[in-house]
Amino acid sequence: MADLVTFGEMLLRLGAPGFQKIEQATSFEVVVTGAEMNSAVVASRFGLKAAHVTRLPRSPLGRMVENRIREHGIDTSHIVWTDEGRVGLFFLEQGAMPRPSAVVYDRADSTMSRIGPGEVDWDAVLPGARLFHVCGTAPALSSSSAEAVREAMAAAKRHRVTVSFDLNYRAKLWSIEQARKTFRELLAFCDILVLGEGDPGRIFGIDGDARQAAARMRETFDLKVVAATMREDLSVLRNRWTAIACTDGQVYDDVTYEMEIIDRVGGGDAFTGAFLYAYAAFDGDIRKCLQYGNAACALKHTIPGDLNWCTRQDVEDLITRGPGAGANLRIKR
């Protein structure tokens, strides 16, 4: 029985070495990834029992991605295995000022893109769960995957499970018009919404600063909690990060972290995973959710790969130190 159930595609990230462009690379570093999976790993490492549901091919690559999340204690017993399709890929090149980092997707005909309603027995997966989480990339894969996400969210509501949704809009996967229509349908099942600072205006035409937009999103879609993340790009390799959250008509904020970036991919997923951990562990204390989410995200930026290998103690130590605590950055001996 899991505290947190996540649902979404698992992929292989192929990274060009160093700062090479994709077209000049002669080898690639392989990393297992997936937005929902990344969040589940954080929650599991911090102490929640987590299960991830996806669709994978019966192949060495399918087993490879399953084994990576099993390594972090995540229940994989509800994965749908199939003889069709493949594991999706994306290629990453690391930028440096003035060249931004870039991603090329190669995920057409992945097994998860072919998933449809009725393939997952949600009545077997969800009983006893406290949280269900899915991202906007899952319904973006295909019309059938969108229907499967809707089925999953409806089942979670039927089982009285708190539903979390991260918009995670990716322009390379679908248009804003397609996303807007689908998101409006899915938000009817949502309790906790995570979004980027510019998402309300770009996708829903809800303008204003982050605090105003989060409050309006909560009211418009009758949500319990809206968390808005804010990133300031000082350079490709240095950012500032914080987030706010709105609930019950009150807006909460937290400290801002300035980060030296080793790998920013998966940072938002780390925020969400730690936010959900704290939501379960501290009975919905939104200040705690923001503290854990922001600290986990900041630490993720210092770690290569998409997964956050930090422990709960690492996060709690950073929360205690606070941002910019240079005197506390000596080597731990």
Protein backbone atom coordinates (compact mmCIF):
# COMPACT_ATOMS: atom_id res chain seq x y z
CA MET A 1 0.00 0.00 0.00
CA ALA A 2 1.53 3.33 -1.09
CA ASP A 3 1.20 6.79 0.46
CA LEU A 4 1.93 8.39 -2.92
CA VAL A 5 0.99 7.00 -6.34
CA THR A 6 2.49 8.64 -9.43
CA PHE A 7 1.54 8.06 -13.07
CA GLY A 8 3.57 8.99 -16.12
CA GLU A 9 6.16 8.15 -18.76
CA MET A 10 9.67 6.99 -17.96
CA LEU A 11 12.35 7.89 -20.48
CA LEU A 12 16.05 7.66 -21.13
CA ARG A 13 17.94 10.94 -21.23
CA LEU A 14 20.98 10.92 -23.52
CA GLY A 15 23.29 13.77 -22.57
CA ALA A 16 26.06 15.10 -24.78
CA PRO A 17 29.38 15.08 -22.86
CA GLY A 18 30.46 18.31 -21.19
CA PHE A 19 29.21 21.30 -23.13
CA GLN A 20 29.19 19.64 -26.55
CA LYS A 21 26.30 20.22 -28.92
CA ILE A 22 24.27 17.14 -29.77
CA GLU A 23 25.42 17.03 -33.39
CA GLN A 24 29.12 16.97 -32.45
CA ALA A 25 28.83 14.28 -29.76
CA THR A 26 30.26 10.80 -30.40
CA SER A 27 28.94 9.36 -27.13
CA PHE A 28 26.10 10.11 -24.72
CA GLU A 29 25.59 9.62 -20.99
CA VAL A 30 22.39 7.66 -20.29
CA VAL A 31 20.15 8.75 -17.41
CA VAL A 32 16.74 7.36 -16.45
CA THR A 33 14.12 10.07 -16.05
CA GLY A 34 10.44 10.98 -16.06
CA ALA A 35 8.74 13.93 -14.36
CA GLU A 36 6.40 11.99 -12.09
CA MET A 37 9.03 9.35 -11.39
CA ASN A 38 11.52 12.03 -10.36
CA SER A 39 9.02 13.37 -7.82
CA ALA A 40 8.27 9.87 -6.54
CA VAL A 41 11.97 9.25 -5.94
CA VAL A 42 12.24 12.36 -3.75
CA ALA A 43 9.15 11.44 -1.72
CA SER A 44 10.39 7.86 -1.31
CA ARG A 45 13.88 8.92 -0.23
CA PHE A 46 12.32 11.28 2.34
CA GLY A 47 10.16 8.55 3.87
CA LEU A 48 6.87 8.11 2.03
CA LYS A 49 5.88 4.77 0.54
CA ALA A 50 5.65 5.48 -3.19
CA ALA A 51 4.40 3.53 -6.19
CA HIS A 52 4.86 4.48 -9.84
CA VAL A 53 2.49 3.41 -12.61
CA THR A 54 3.61 3.52 -16.23
CA ARG A 55 3.66 1.40 -19.39
CA LEU A 56 6.93 -0.24 -20.49
CA PRO A 57 8.13 -2.62 -23.20
CA ARG A 58 9.38 -6.08 -22.31
CA SER A 59 12.96 -5.33 -23.27
CA PRO A 60 16.35 -4.63 -21.69
CA LEU A 61 15.60 -0.89 -21.80
CA GLY A 62 12.24 -1.41 -20.13
CA ARG A 63 13.87 -3.41 -17.37
CA MET A 64 16.62 -0.81 -17.07
CA VAL A 65 14.24 2.03 -16.25
CA GLU A 66 12.22 -0.13 -13.86
CA ASN A 67 15.36 -1.16 -11.99
CA ARG A 68 16.41 2.44 -11.47
CA ILE A 69 13.27 3.36 -9.52
CA ARG A 70 13.26 0.08 -7.63
CA GLU A 71 16.70 1.15 -6.43
CA HIS A 72 14.97 3.99 -4.57
CA GLY A 73 12.36 1.76 -2.94
CA ILE A 74 9.49 2.55 -5.30
CA ASP A 75 6.79 -0.07 -5.86
CA THR A 76 6.73 -1.09 -9.53
CA SER A 77 4.19 -3.90 -9.22
CA HIS A 78 1.49 -2.00 -11.12
CA ILE A 79 3.55 -1.23 -14.24
CA VAL A 80 1.81 -2.29 -17.45
CA TRP A 81 4.19 -4.44 -19.53
CA THR A 82 3.69 -4.83 -23.27
CA ASP A 83 5.36 -6.28 -26.36
CA GLU A 84 4.74 -3.14 -28.42
CA GLY A 85 6.36 0.28 -28.54
CA ARG A 86 9.63 1.43 -27.02
CA VAL A 87 11.14 3.50 -24.25
CA GLY A 88 11.03 7.19 -25.17
CA LEU A 89 14.25 9.20 -25.43
CA PHE A 90 15.33 12.77 -25.15
CA PHE A 91 18.70 14.27 -25.97
CA LEU A 92 20.21 17.06 -23.88
CA GLU A 93 23.00 19.51 -24.57
CA GLN A 94 24.30 21.70 -21.74
CA GLY A 95 24.59 25.37 -22.60
CA ALA A 96 26.73 28.22 -21.31
CA MET A 97 26.25 31.96 -21.72
CA PRO A 98 25.10 33.08 -24.21
CA ARG A 99 23.95 29.64 -25.51
CA PRO A 100 21.02 28.10 -23.62
CA SER A 101 20.73 24.39 -22.90
CA ALA A 102 18.55 22.51 -25.40
CA VAL A 103 16.46 19.34 -25.56
CA VAL A 104 15.49 17.18 -28.55
CA TYR A 105 12.63 14.70 -27.97
CA ASP A 106 12.48 11.25 -29.59
CA ARG A 107 9.46 9.73 -27.88
CA ALA A 108 6.98 9.05 -30.70
CA ASP A 109 5.40 5.58 -30.46
CA SER A 110 6.68 5.06 -26.93
CA THR A 111 4.76 2.46 -24.95
CA MET A 112 3.34 5.13 -22.65
CA SER A 113 2.06 7.18 -25.59
CA ARG A 114 -0.10 4.19 -26.55
CA ILE A 115 -1.68 3.68 -23.13
CA GLY A 116 -5.46 3.98 -22.95
CA PRO A 117 -8.29 3.74 -20.44
CA GLY A 118 -8.87 0.35 -18.86
CA GLU A 119 -5.23 -0.80 -18.89
CA VAL A 120 -4.54 0.02 -15.22
CA ASP A 121 -6.66 -1.45 -12.44
CA TRP A 122 -6.89 1.73 -10.38
CA ASP A 123 -9.21 0.05 -7.89
CA ALA A 124 -6.25 -2.18 -7.00
CA VAL A 125 -3.66 0.62 -7.01
CA LEU A 126 -5.32 3.47 -5.12
CA PRO A 127 -6.95 2.09 -1.95
CA GLY A 128 -5.04 3.36 1.08
CA ALA A 129 -3.12 6.01 -0.88
CA ARG A 130 -3.02 9.56 0.43
CA LEU A 131 -1.75 11.33 -2.68
CA PHE A 132 -1.92 10.82 -6.46
CA HIS A 133 0.35 12.83 -8.75
CA VAL A 134 0.57 13.28 -12.51
CA CYS A 135 2.05 15.95 -14.82
CA GLY A 136 0.90 17.75 -17.93
CA THR A 137 3.38 15.85 -20.09
CA ALA A 138 1.38 12.61 -19.64
CA PRO A 139 -1.79 13.77 -21.44
CA ALA A 140 0.36 15.55 -24.04
CA LEU A 141 1.64 12.26 -25.47
CA SER A 142 -1.55 11.24 -27.30
CA SER A 143 -5.34 11.42 -27.15
CA SER A 144 -5.44 7.95 -25.61
CA SER A 145 -2.91 8.88 -22.91
CA ALA A 146 -5.01 11.95 -22.10
CA GLU A 147 -8.03 9.70 -21.65
CA ALA A 148 -5.96 7.39 -19.42
CA VAL A 149 -4.89 10.34 -17.26
CA ARG A 150 -8.49 11.48 -16.93
CA GLU A 151 -9.52 7.96 -15.89
CA ALA A 152 -6.73 7.85 -13.28
CA MET A 153 -7.58 11.24 -11.78
CA ALA A 154 -11.29 10.38 -11.64
CA ALA A 155 -10.47 7.09 -9.91
CA ALA A 156 -8.32 8.91 -7.37
CA LYS A 157 -11.18 11.25 -6.53
CA ARG A 158 -13.52 8.27 -6.24
CA HIS A 159 -11.14 6.72 -3.71
CA ARG A 160 -10.88 10.04 -1.81
CA VAL A 161 -7.20 10.43 -2.65
CA THR A 162 -5.78 13.97 -2.80
CA VAL A 163 -4.91 14.68 -6.44
CA SER A 164 -1.80 16.68 -7.39
CA PHE A 165 -1.18 17.99 -10.92
CA ASP A 166 1.90 19.77 -12.26
CA LEU A 167 1.08 21.67 -15.47
CA ASN A 168 4.61 21.06 -16.80
CA TYR A 169 3.67 22.51 -20.20
CA ARG A 170 6.10 21.57 -22.98
CA ALA A 171 5.65 23.45 -26.25
CA LYS A 172 7.52 20.73 -28.19
CA LEU A 173 4.81 18.20 -27.25
CA TRP A 174 1.59 20.11 -28.01
CA SER A 175 0.10 23.53 -28.67
CA ILE A 176 -1.16 25.91 -26.00
CA GLU A 177 -4.68 25.51 -27.40
CA GLN A 178 -4.56 21.72 -27.02
CA ALA A 179 -3.07 22.00 -23.54
CA ARG A 180 -5.61 24.59 -22.40
CA LYS A 181 -8.57 22.44 -23.42
CA THR A 182 -7.17 19.30 -21.77
CA PHE A 183 -5.98 21.06 -18.63
CA ARG A 184 -9.40 22.62 -18.06
CA GLU A 185 -10.96 19.15 -18.13
CA LEU A 186 -8.34 17.61 -15.82
CA LEU A 187 -8.34 20.42 -13.26
CA ALA A 188 -11.89 19.43 -12.35
CA PHE A 189 -10.31 16.46 -10.52
CA CYS A 190 -7.37 18.37 -9.01
CA ASP A 191 -6.72 19.41 -5.40
CA ILE A 192 -3.08 20.57 -5.53
CA LEU A 193 -1.78 22.40 -8.60
CA VAL A 194 1.89 23.15 -9.27
CA LEU A 195 2.72 25.61 -12.04
CA GLY A 196 5.41 27.94 -13.29
CA GLU A 197 5.21 31.68 -12.72
CA GLY A 198 4.14 32.49 -16.28
CA ASP A 199 1.76 29.55 -16.83
CA PRO A 200 -1.53 31.19 -15.73
CA GLY A 201 -1.14 34.03 -18.22
CA ARG A 202 0.34 32.01 -21.07
CA ILE A 203 -2.12 29.11 -20.91
CA PHE A 204 -5.27 30.46 -19.26
CA GLY A 205 -5.10 34.22 -19.84
CA ILE A 206 -4.98 34.83 -16.07
CA ASP A 207 -2.60 37.76 -15.63
CA GLY A 208 -0.99 39.41 -12.61
CA ASP A 209 2.06 38.70 -10.50
CA ALA A 210 2.66 35.20 -9.15
CA ARG A 211 0.67 35.79 -5.97
CA GLN A 212 -2.33 37.28 -7.77
CA ALA A 213 -2.30 34.64 -10.51
CA ALA A 214 -2.05 31.76 -8.02
CA ALA A 215 -5.00 33.14 -6.05
CA ARG A 216 -7.08 33.54 -9.20
CA MET A 217 -6.20 30.03 -10.39
CA ARG A 218 -7.31 28.62 -7.04
CA GLU A 219 -10.62 30.46 -7.20
CA THR A 220 -11.27 29.78 -10.89
CA PHE A 221 -10.71 26.03 -10.67
CA ASP A 222 -11.83 25.50 -7.04
CA LEU A 223 -8.46 24.11 -5.93
CA LYS A 224 -7.23 23.47 -2.39
CA VAL A 225 -3.64 24.56 -3.04
CA VAL A 226 -1.83 26.31 -5.88
CA ALA A 227 1.97 26.43 -5.77
CA ALA A 228 3.79 28.70 -8.22
CA THR A 229 7.52 28.31 -8.80
CA MET A 230 9.70 31.27 -9.79
CA ARG A 231 13.09 31.05 -11.46
CA GLU A 232 15.37 33.98 -12.26
CA ASP A 233 18.06 33.19 -14.83
CA LEU A 234 21.21 35.06 -13.82
CA SER A 235 23.12 32.96 -16.35
CA VAL A 236 22.88 29.44 -17.76
CA LEU A 237 24.89 28.20 -14.78
CA ARG A 238 23.49 30.42 -12.02
CA ASN A 239 19.82 30.91 -11.11
CA ARG A 240 17.67 32.16 -8.27
CA TRP A 241 14.71 30.03 -7.20
CA THR A 242 11.73 30.41 -4.90
CA ALA A 243 8.04 29.53 -4.81
CA ILE A 244 4.79 30.73 -3.28
CA ALA A 245 1.62 28.83 -2.46
CA CYS A 246 -1.99 29.91 -2.10
CA THR A 247 -4.61 28.14 0.02
CA ASP A 248 -7.79 29.22 1.81
CA GLY A 249 -7.39 32.76 0.54
CA GLN A 250 -3.91 33.11 2.06
CA VAL A 251 -0.64 33.32 0.15
CA TYR A 252 2.56 31.91 1.66
CA ASP A 253 6.13 32.56 0.54
CA ASP A 254 9.60 31.27 1.40
CA VAL A 255 13.26 32.22 1.08
CA THR A 256 15.02 32.59 -2.28
CA TYR A 257 17.96 30.32 -3.10
CA GLU A 258 20.80 31.35 -5.42
CA MET A 259 22.15 28.22 -7.07
CA GLU A 260 25.29 27.22 -8.93
CA ILE A 261 23.92 24.82 -11.51
CA ILE A 262 25.45 21.45 -12.21
CA ASP A 263 22.24 20.07 -13.77
CA ARG A 264 18.89 21.88 -13.66
CA VAL A 265 16.78 19.13 -15.28
CA GLY A 266 14.50 17.61 -12.66
CA GLY A 267 14.64 20.63 -10.35
CA GLY A 268 10.93 21.33 -10.58
CA ASP A 269 10.16 17.64 -10.07
CA ALA A 270 12.29 17.69 -6.91
CA PHE A 271 10.28 20.67 -5.66
CA THR A 272 7.02 18.83 -6.24
CA GLY A 273 8.19 15.57 -4.68
CA ALA A 274 9.37 17.32 -1.51
CA PHE A 275 6.25 19.52 -1.42
CA LEU A 276 4.05 16.41 -1.52
CA TYR A 277 6.19 14.65 1.08
CA ALA A 278 5.74 17.57 3.47
CA TYR A 279 2.02 17.82 2.68
CA ALA A 280 1.62 14.23 3.87
CA ALA A 281 4.15 14.35 6.71
CA PHE A 282 3.04 17.66 8.24
CA ASP A 283 -0.73 17.44 7.76
CA GLY A 284 -0.92 19.97 4.94
CA ASP A 285 1.29 22.64 6.57
CA ILE A 286 1.91 24.84 3.52
CA ARG A 287 4.89 26.66 5.03
CA LYS A 288 6.60 23.31 5.57
CA CYS A 289 5.69 22.26 2.03
CA LEU A 290 7.38 25.34 0.60
CA GLN A 291 10.45 24.98 2.81
CA TYR A 292 11.01 21.35 1.86
CA GLY A 293 10.14 21.92 -1.80
CA ASN A 294 12.42 24.90 -2.30
CA ALA A 295 15.37 23.37 -0.43
CA ALA A 296 15.06 20.08 -2.33
CA CYS A 297 14.94 21.94 -5.63
CA ALA A 298 18.00 24.02 -4.78
CA LEU A 299 19.98 20.93 -3.83
CA LYS A 300 18.90 19.05 -6.97
CA HIS A 301 20.58 21.71 -9.11
CA THR A 302 23.94 20.66 -7.62
CA ILE A 303 23.58 16.99 -8.64
CA PRO A 304 24.18 15.50 -12.12
CA GLY A 305 21.27 13.62 -13.67
CA ASP A 306 17.52 14.07 -13.29
CA LEU A 307 17.13 12.34 -9.92
CA ASN A 308 17.61 14.10 -6.61
CA TRP A 309 19.93 11.91 -4.54
CA CYS A 310 19.64 14.14 -1.46
CA THR A 311 18.27 12.84 1.80
CA ARG A 312 15.64 14.42 4.01
CA GLN A 313 18.44 15.32 6.42
CA ASP A 314 20.26 17.19 3.64
CA VAL A 315 17.13 19.24 3.02
CA GLU A 316 16.50 19.90 6.70
CA ASP A 317 20.11 20.99 7.17
CA LEU A 318 19.75 23.49 4.32
CA ILE A 319 16.46 24.80 5.72
CA THR A 320 18.21 25.35 9.07
CA ARG A 321 21.25 27.07 7.47
CA GLY A 322 19.20 29.15 5.11
CA PRO A 323 20.22 30.44 1.67
CA GLY A 324 23.57 32.05 1.01
CA ALA A 325 25.13 30.62 4.16
CA GLY A 326 28.69 30.73 2.81
CA ALA A 327 30.27 30.17 6.20
CA ASN A 328 28.60 26.77 6.33
CA LEU A 329 29.90 25.51 2.99
CA ARG A 330 33.15 24.11 4.30
CA ILE A 331 33.90 20.46 3.58
CA LYS A 332 32.03 18.10 5.89
CA ARG A 333 34.70 16.10 7.72
